[in-house]
Protein backbone atom coordinates (compact mmCIF):
# COMPACT_ATOMS: atom_id res chain seq x y z
CA MET A 1 40.76 23.76 68.56
CA PRO A 2 43.58 26.40 70.33
CA VAL A 3 42.69 27.95 73.24
CA ARG A 4 43.26 31.64 73.12
CA ALA A 5 42.35 32.34 77.08
CA ARG A 6 40.65 30.74 79.88
CA GLY A 7 38.84 32.65 82.64
CA ASN A 8 35.52 32.48 84.63
CA GLY A 9 34.78 28.82 83.38
CA ARG A 10 34.25 30.24 79.94
CA GLU A 11 37.22 29.51 76.92
CA VAL A 12 37.61 32.26 74.31
CA THR A 13 39.35 30.13 71.25
CA ASP A 14 40.88 31.76 67.95
CA SER A 15 38.34 30.48 65.57
CA PRO A 16 34.62 31.97 66.92
CA PRO A 17 31.80 29.55 67.48
CA ASP A 18 29.85 30.70 64.60
CA PRO A 19 30.66 32.26 61.09
CA ALA A 20 30.73 36.07 62.05
CA GLY A 21 27.64 38.35 60.68
CA GLN A 22 25.33 34.63 61.21
CA VAL A 23 22.57 34.78 64.01
CA VAL A 24 23.71 32.82 66.57
CA PRO A 25 21.95 29.72 67.40
CA GLY A 26 19.67 29.00 70.87
CA VAL A 27 19.78 32.63 72.42
CA ARG A 28 17.35 33.13 75.12
CA ARG A 29 19.29 35.32 76.68
CA ILE A 30 21.34 38.18 75.69
CA VAL A 31 23.66 40.78 77.58
CA VAL A 32 24.57 44.05 76.77
CA LEU A 33 27.34 46.79 78.20
CA ARG A 34 26.98 50.18 77.33
CA ALA A 35 27.61 51.97 80.14
CA ASN A 36 28.16 56.00 79.75
CA GLY A 37 25.57 58.48 79.25
CA LEU A 38 22.20 60.02 78.49
CA GLY A 39 23.59 60.37 74.72
CA ASP A 40 25.59 57.61 74.62
CA TYR A 41 22.82 55.39 74.80
CA VAL A 42 20.49 57.50 72.34
CA VAL A 43 23.17 56.98 69.72
CA ALA A 44 22.95 53.22 71.20
CA GLN A 45 19.41 52.43 70.40
CA PRO A 46 18.97 51.81 66.63
CA ALA A 47 21.87 48.66 67.58
CA LEU A 48 19.43 47.61 70.67
CA ALA A 49 16.26 47.53 68.27
CA ALA A 50 18.26 45.42 65.33
CA LEU A 51 19.47 43.17 68.47
CA ARG A 52 15.76 42.96 69.08
CA ALA A 53 14.57 42.55 65.73
CA ALA A 54 17.24 39.40 65.26
CA TYR A 55 16.24 37.67 68.46
CA PRO A 56 12.61 38.63 69.26
CA ALA A 57 12.19 35.82 71.69
CA ALA A 58 15.40 36.62 73.60
CA THR A 59 15.44 38.70 77.79
CA ILE A 60 17.67 41.35 76.62
CA THR A 61 19.24 42.88 80.19
CA LEU A 62 21.08 46.30 79.45
CA VAL A 63 24.34 46.87 82.09
CA THR A 64 24.39 50.95 82.09
CA SER A 65 24.81 53.89 84.34
CA PRO A 66 22.19 54.88 86.49
CA PRO A 67 21.06 57.69 84.32
CA VAL A 68 20.23 55.77 81.33
CA ALA A 69 18.50 53.27 84.13
CA ALA A 70 16.41 56.03 85.27
CA LEU A 71 15.29 57.41 81.75
CA LEU A 72 14.27 53.77 81.20
CA ASP A 73 12.60 53.15 84.06
CA GLY A 74 8.67 52.09 83.44
CA ARG A 75 9.58 53.44 79.31
CA PRO A 76 9.05 50.73 76.15
CA ALA A 77 12.64 50.34 74.63
CA PRO A 78 14.06 47.61 72.98
CA VAL A 79 15.50 45.91 76.14
CA ASP A 80 13.34 43.80 79.00
CA GLU A 81 16.21 44.35 81.88
CA VAL A 82 18.47 47.50 83.11
CA LEU A 83 20.70 46.78 85.90
CA PRO A 84 23.08 50.04 87.05
CA ALA A 85 26.68 48.71 86.04
CA PRO A 86 29.51 48.55 89.06
CA ARG A 87 31.76 51.19 88.85
CA VAL A 88 34.68 50.13 87.28
CA ALA A 89 37.42 52.38 85.56
CA GLY A 90 36.85 53.16 82.24
CA VAL A 91 33.64 51.79 81.99
CA ARG A 92 31.69 53.40 84.08
CA GLY A 93 32.25 56.59 86.78
CA GLU A 94 31.15 59.57 87.31
CA PRO A 95 32.40 62.78 85.57
CA GLY A 96 34.79 65.09 87.55
CA PRO A 97 37.89 64.90 90.19
CA ASP A 98 35.21 64.43 93.20
CA GLY A 99 33.26 61.98 91.33
CA PRO A 100 32.80 58.30 94.04
CA PRO A 101 35.61 56.15 93.43
CA ASP A 102 35.36 52.80 92.13
CA ASP A 103 33.53 50.13 93.70
CA PRO A 104 35.79 47.46 95.60
CA PRO A 105 37.08 44.71 93.60
CA GLU A 106 34.46 42.03 95.98
CA ALA A 107 31.69 44.31 94.84
CA VAL A 108 32.36 43.93 91.23
CA GLU A 109 33.07 40.05 91.32
CA GLU A 110 29.35 39.81 93.26
CA PHE A 111 27.75 41.61 90.80
CA CYS A 112 29.64 39.38 87.94
CA ALA A 113 29.22 36.29 89.38
CA ALA A 114 24.76 36.78 90.18
CA LEU A 115 25.36 38.05 86.08
CA ARG A 116 26.84 34.09 85.31
CA THR A 117 24.64 32.40 87.14
CA ARG A 118 21.69 33.80 84.31
CA ARG A 119 24.19 31.77 81.50
CA PHE A 120 23.64 33.98 79.36
CA ASP A 121 23.84 32.91 75.39
CA LEU A 122 25.03 36.59 74.35
CA GLY A 123 27.29 39.15 75.96
CA VAL A 124 27.42 42.37 73.77
CA GLN A 125 30.01 45.32 74.41
CA LEU A 126 28.59 48.80 73.08
CA HIS A 127 30.42 50.76 75.41
CA GLY A 128 34.14 51.40 73.64
CA GLY A 129 37.18 50.66 72.54
CA GLY A 130 37.77 47.47 74.95
CA GLY A 131 40.78 48.10 77.17
CA ASN A 132 38.25 48.38 80.14
CA ALA A 133 34.80 47.11 79.35
CA ASN A 134 35.57 43.55 77.21
CA PRO A 135 37.40 42.10 80.44
CA LEU A 136 34.79 42.74 82.61
CA LEU A 137 32.01 41.60 79.67
CA LEU A 138 34.13 38.40 79.77
CA ARG A 139 33.45 38.33 83.55
CA PHE A 140 29.69 37.87 82.60
CA GLY A 141 30.17 34.74 81.29
CA ALA A 142 28.46 34.48 77.96
CA ARG A 143 28.20 31.98 76.04
CA VAL A 144 29.13 34.11 73.22
CA THR A 145 30.79 37.80 73.02
CA ALA A 146 30.85 40.07 70.38
CA GLY A 147 31.91 43.72 70.68
CA SER A 148 34.54 46.58 69.25
CA ARG A 149 38.15 45.87 70.24
CA ALA A 150 41.03 48.39 70.15
CA PRO A 151 44.78 46.94 69.77
CA GLY A 152 45.68 45.18 73.07
CA ALA A 153 42.16 45.35 73.94
CA ALA A 154 41.00 41.42 75.26
CA PRO A 155 39.55 39.54 72.54
CA LEU A 156 35.91 38.55 71.99
CA ASP A 157 34.51 35.14 69.41
CA ARG A 158 33.10 38.16 67.13
CA THR A 159 34.85 41.54 67.06
CA VAL A 160 35.64 44.62 64.81
CA PRO A 161 38.37 47.07 64.75
CA TRP A 162 37.90 50.56 66.88
CA THR A 163 38.58 52.83 64.96
CA SER A 164 38.78 56.79 65.03
CA PHE A 165 36.36 59.45 63.32
CA GLN A 166 33.84 57.18 62.63
CA HIS A 167 30.28 57.75 63.83
CA ASP A 168 29.24 55.83 67.04
CA LEU A 169 25.91 55.38 65.60
CA MET A 170 27.14 53.07 62.71
CA ARG A 171 30.01 51.53 64.67
CA TRP A 172 27.22 49.99 67.64
CA LEU A 173 25.42 48.47 64.23
CA GLU A 174 28.58 47.04 63.02
CA VAL A 175 29.23 45.27 66.27
CA VAL A 176 25.83 44.17 66.41
CA ALA A 177 25.71 42.86 62.69
CA LEU A 178 28.64 40.64 63.79
CA VAL A 179 25.46 38.26 65.36
CA GLY A 180 23.07 38.91 62.41
CA ALA A 181 21.37 41.68 63.94
CA SER A 182 20.49 44.09 60.74
CA PRO A 183 18.78 47.81 60.60
CA VAL A 184 15.60 48.28 61.70
CA HIS A 185 15.83 52.29 61.97
CA LEU A 186 18.72 55.13 61.91
CA GLN A 187 17.11 57.29 63.21
CA PRO A 188 17.07 57.32 67.48
CA ARG A 189 14.05 56.71 68.72
CA VAL A 190 12.99 57.49 72.62
CA ALA A 191 9.46 56.79 73.51
CA VAL A 192 7.73 59.41 75.36
CA THR A 193 5.24 58.23 77.93
CA ALA A 194 1.93 59.34 79.40
CA ARG A 195 3.74 60.15 82.62
CA ASP A 196 6.15 62.42 80.48
CA ARG A 197 3.30 64.25 79.02
CA GLY A 198 1.47 64.91 81.78
CA GLU A 199 4.50 66.45 83.92
CA ALA A 200 5.38 68.54 81.05
CA ALA A 201 1.94 69.91 80.75
CA ASP A 202 2.15 70.98 84.86
CA ALA A 203 5.45 72.40 84.43
CA LEU A 204 4.88 74.63 81.52
CA GLY A 205 1.74 75.50 83.67
CA GLU A 206 -1.05 74.07 80.91
CA LEU A 207 -2.92 72.81 83.84
CA GLY A 208 -3.84 76.20 86.11
CA GLY A 209 -1.11 78.77 85.25
CA GLU A 210 0.49 80.55 81.92
CA ALA A 211 -0.69 79.18 78.77
CA LEU A 212 2.22 79.01 75.90
CA GLY A 213 -0.63 80.45 73.56
CA GLY A 214 0.40 79.93 70.25
CA SER A 215 3.91 80.69 70.76
CA PRO A 216 6.89 78.21 69.16
CA LEU A 217 8.34 76.93 72.54
CA VAL A 218 12.53 76.86 72.06
CA ALA A 219 14.16 74.78 74.63
CA MET A 220 17.59 76.02 76.25
CA HIS A 221 20.22 73.53 77.74
CA PRO A 222 23.55 75.33 78.52
CA GLY A 223 25.61 72.31 79.88
CA ALA A 224 27.90 69.17 78.54
CA THR A 225 29.50 66.69 80.49
CA ASP A 226 32.85 68.61 79.37
CA PRO A 227 32.57 72.49 80.41
CA ARG A 228 35.30 72.93 77.23
CA ARG A 229 31.81 71.53 74.82
CA ARG A 230 29.60 74.58 76.34
CA TRP A 231 29.22 77.28 74.55
CA PHE A 232 28.92 80.76 75.83
CA PRO A 233 25.59 80.75 78.27
CA ASP A 234 24.97 84.31 77.72
CA ARG A 235 25.46 83.92 74.10
CA LEU A 236 22.41 81.04 74.58
CA GLY A 237 20.54 84.05 76.10
CA GLU A 238 21.41 86.83 73.45
CA LEU A 239 19.81 84.02 70.54
CA GLY A 240 17.29 83.84 73.66
CA ALA A 241 16.42 87.04 73.65
CA ALA A 242 16.14 87.24 69.43
CA LEU A 243 14.14 84.29 68.94
CA THR A 244 12.01 86.36 71.59
CA ALA A 245 11.36 89.76 69.36
CA ARG A 246 10.78 87.31 66.49
CA GLY A 247 7.41 85.47 68.87
CA ALA A 248 8.98 82.43 70.57
CA ARG A 249 9.08 81.43 74.00
CA VAL A 250 12.38 80.38 75.38
CA VAL A 251 12.16 77.01 78.01
CA LEU A 252 14.88 77.16 80.04
CA LEU A 253 16.54 73.63 80.67
CA GLY A 254 19.37 72.07 82.96
CA GLY A 255 20.18 70.26 86.26
CA ALA A 256 20.54 71.82 89.96
CA GLY A 257 24.03 71.98 88.59
CA ASP A 258 23.47 73.81 86.17
CA ALA A 259 22.09 76.85 88.02
CA PRO A 260 24.76 79.05 87.33
CA LEU A 261 25.24 78.40 83.85
CA VAL A 262 21.25 78.95 83.09
CA GLY A 263 21.67 82.87 85.03
CA ARG A 264 24.59 83.55 82.94
CA ILE A 265 21.54 82.61 80.03
CA ARG A 266 18.94 84.50 81.84
CA ASP A 267 21.94 87.85 82.15
CA GLY A 268 21.99 87.47 78.03
CA LEU A 269 18.25 87.04 77.60
CA GLY A 270 17.99 90.99 79.68
CA PRO A 271 14.65 92.01 79.40
CA ALA A 272 13.45 88.65 77.64
CA ALA A 273 13.87 86.82 80.75
CA ASP A 274 10.44 88.03 82.49
CA HIS A 275 9.41 86.04 79.29
CA ALA A 276 11.12 82.46 79.48
CA ILE A 277 10.17 79.67 81.48
CA ASP A 278 12.80 78.39 83.72
CA LEU A 279 12.73 74.76 84.65
CA ALA A 280 16.09 74.19 85.62
CA GLY A 281 16.41 71.97 88.03
CA ARG A 282 12.59 71.30 88.15
CA LEU A 283 12.17 68.37 85.99
CA SER A 284 12.50 64.42 86.35
CA LEU A 285 14.42 62.56 83.26
CA GLY A 286 11.21 61.87 82.72
CA GLY A 287 9.28 65.46 82.83
CA LEU A 288 12.75 66.61 80.24
CA VAL A 289 11.56 64.29 78.11
CA GLY A 290 7.93 65.24 78.34
CA VAL A 291 8.73 69.06 77.70
CA LEU A 292 11.45 68.41 74.80
CA GLU A 293 8.56 66.55 72.75
CA ARG A 294 6.69 69.68 73.49
CA ALA A 295 9.40 72.34 72.21
CA ASP A 296 9.74 73.20 68.39
CA LEU A 297 13.45 73.29 68.63
CA PHE A 298 16.15 72.57 71.27
CA VAL A 299 19.64 74.84 70.56
CA GLY A 300 22.31 74.13 72.81
CA ASN A 301 25.19 71.64 73.29
CA ASP A 302 26.80 68.51 72.04
CA SER A 303 24.69 66.69 75.41
CA GLY A 304 22.42 63.97 76.71
CA PRO A 305 19.19 66.25 76.58
CA ARG A 306 19.93 67.73 72.51
CA HIS A 307 20.17 63.81 71.96
CA LEU A 308 17.01 63.02 73.43
CA ALA A 309 15.34 65.79 71.61
CA GLU A 310 16.51 64.74 68.74
CA ALA A 311 15.03 60.77 69.71
CA VAL A 312 11.57 62.73 70.02
CA GLY A 313 10.97 64.27 66.98
CA THR A 314 12.43 67.39 67.87
CA ALA A 315 14.39 69.86 65.80
CA THR A 316 17.50 70.84 66.44
CA VAL A 317 20.25 73.16 66.48
CA GLY A 318 23.67 71.50 68.11
CA VAL A 319 27.02 73.07 68.81
CA PHE A 320 29.92 70.48 68.51
CA THR A 321 33.87 70.58 67.96
CA ARG A 322 35.11 69.09 64.55
CA ALA A 323 35.45 66.06 66.79
CA ASN A 324 31.79 65.57 68.25
CA LEU A 325 30.49 66.10 64.66
CA VAL A 326 32.15 63.14 63.13
CA ASP A 327 31.50 61.10 66.57
CA VAL A 328 27.58 62.04 67.39
CA ALA A 329 25.76 64.31 65.51
CA PRO A 330 22.63 63.90 63.54
CA LEU A 331 22.64 61.83 60.84
CA PHE A 332 20.22 63.57 58.92
CA ARG A 333 19.62 67.31 58.38
CA ALA A 334 15.99 68.05 57.48
CA ARG A 335 15.76 68.74 61.13
CA HIS A 336 18.62 68.70 62.23
CA ARG A 337 21.56 71.57 62.15
CA VAL A 338 25.08 71.58 63.21
CA LEU A 339 27.45 74.57 64.12
CA VAL A 340 31.50 73.39 64.26
CA SER A 341 34.18 74.40 65.79
CA TRP A 342 36.45 73.84 63.51
CA ALA A 343 39.41 75.84 65.68
CA SER A 344 37.92 74.25 68.93
CA ARG A 345 40.68 76.46 70.91
CA CYS A 346 40.57 77.03 74.80
CA SER A 347 39.14 80.94 75.15
CA ALA A 348 41.45 81.57 78.31
CA CYS A 349 44.84 80.47 76.06
CA GLY A 350 44.20 79.06 72.36
CA VAL A 351 45.50 75.69 73.44
CA ASP A 352 43.87 73.37 71.06
CA TYR A 353 41.15 71.25 72.64
CA PHE A 354 43.09 67.86 71.29
CA ALA A 355 46.27 68.73 72.35
CA ALA A 356 47.04 67.99 76.26
CA PRO A 357 44.41 69.25 78.59
CA CYS A 358 45.59 73.15 79.63
CA GLY A 359 43.56 72.86 83.00
CA HIS A 360 41.42 76.05 81.94
CA ASP A 361 38.39 74.26 81.31
CA ALA A 362 37.01 77.28 79.52
CA SER A 363 35.02 76.95 76.11
CA VAL A 364 36.47 75.77 73.04
CA LEU A 365 33.81 77.25 70.98
CA GLY A 366 34.31 81.00 70.97
CA ASP A 367 34.28 80.82 67.20
CA ILE A 368 30.19 80.45 67.04
CA THR A 369 28.44 83.19 66.67
CA VAL A 370 25.30 84.16 67.69
CA ASP A 371 24.21 85.11 64.27
CA ASP A 372 25.62 82.03 63.27
CA VAL A 373 22.97 79.63 65.36
CA LEU A 374 20.43 82.18 64.34
CA ALA A 375 19.92 82.03 61.05
CA PRO A 376 19.34 77.88 61.50
CA ALA A 377 17.26 77.87 64.14
CA LEU A 378 15.28 80.82 62.38
CA GLU A 379 15.14 78.40 59.23
CA LEU A 380 13.54 75.21 61.71
CA LEU A 381 11.03 77.33 63.32
CA ASP A 382 9.58 78.01 59.76
CA LEU A 383 9.02 74.19 59.01
CA PRO A 384 5.61 73.06 58.75
CA VAL A 385 6.39 69.75 59.91
CA ARG A 386 7.79 68.19 62.84
CA GLU A 387 8.17 64.26 63.42
CA PRO A 388 6.42 62.32 65.56
CA ALA A 389 7.23 60.54 68.71
CA PRO A 390 7.32 57.49 69.68
CA SER A 391 5.03 56.28 72.30
CA ARG A 392 3.27 53.38 74.13
């Protein structure tokens, strides 16, 4: 059989060891590489669930980012073990110019060598086009590998081409289909635990503080990894004021670094800020999940919290660029609405979001108005039934 490449004690051949689309025989241990953000994990969750169903007796190890590892700590999930990935260029890194540097080569090799001792039967790349992820996956030493492959990326045993303009959820289902895994659901799911609900109850004041009464709870989150994908926080505030006038209670969410954005929401809320519940910087990831489950509606950008809200059964209104609409917007619309900036131009200089970076980091969602978002928000708040969240 012709050999195409050799490395780390394994051979990659021109012909896969088993026909693509069939279950790999004798699989006891699986390693999956998916080392990016919370929302990225959520859109890959249906693929992981399909993998679990196809290999019910196998142990699945997920190599991922620290935020995802924190989210899954003690939480029911399709995987058995979660390991934080090493920092490798193009695979895992914290956003921003001041993020930590890549791990030294010897630390990366130590991590990979430890995984090779596990003698994985199957390695699955659910991270990207494979330019950086495929070489890392190959260093884990799995007997059979599968993943998405862009032109020029290192070959795996079973691949589907990486193409533009495909929804990530479907992309990763195509990858696991290479190894015989059929979808078990298309709606992403994140289980909600008793600990999540307890922290949410404490944070919302139900155990000795201000009760919510019968008011619908609207969660607002102003953040997004790329600042250009953030709708103007003052407009979120104006929206919150309009919803408060109609009887809703607004809860403000965000990490400690989102304080300036949350402050701008409060400015937009005006007098309604006195009725808002500000939980920014006060919740663990579990507490965030619990509050999102309690909310009747989530409003925000294309972000990890929006994906988590969807995955626990909460209705969402999201503001998207035209590219993110294709890649990661909710597949279903019964309880989810999307507002799309078809122009997606820098609000400071007018440069197209998809052109060379202009350096302003200003929002490209300026053509979305408060009224644009208010109408679907009110529509969803009028829905009589909510989806039950998965739980332990």
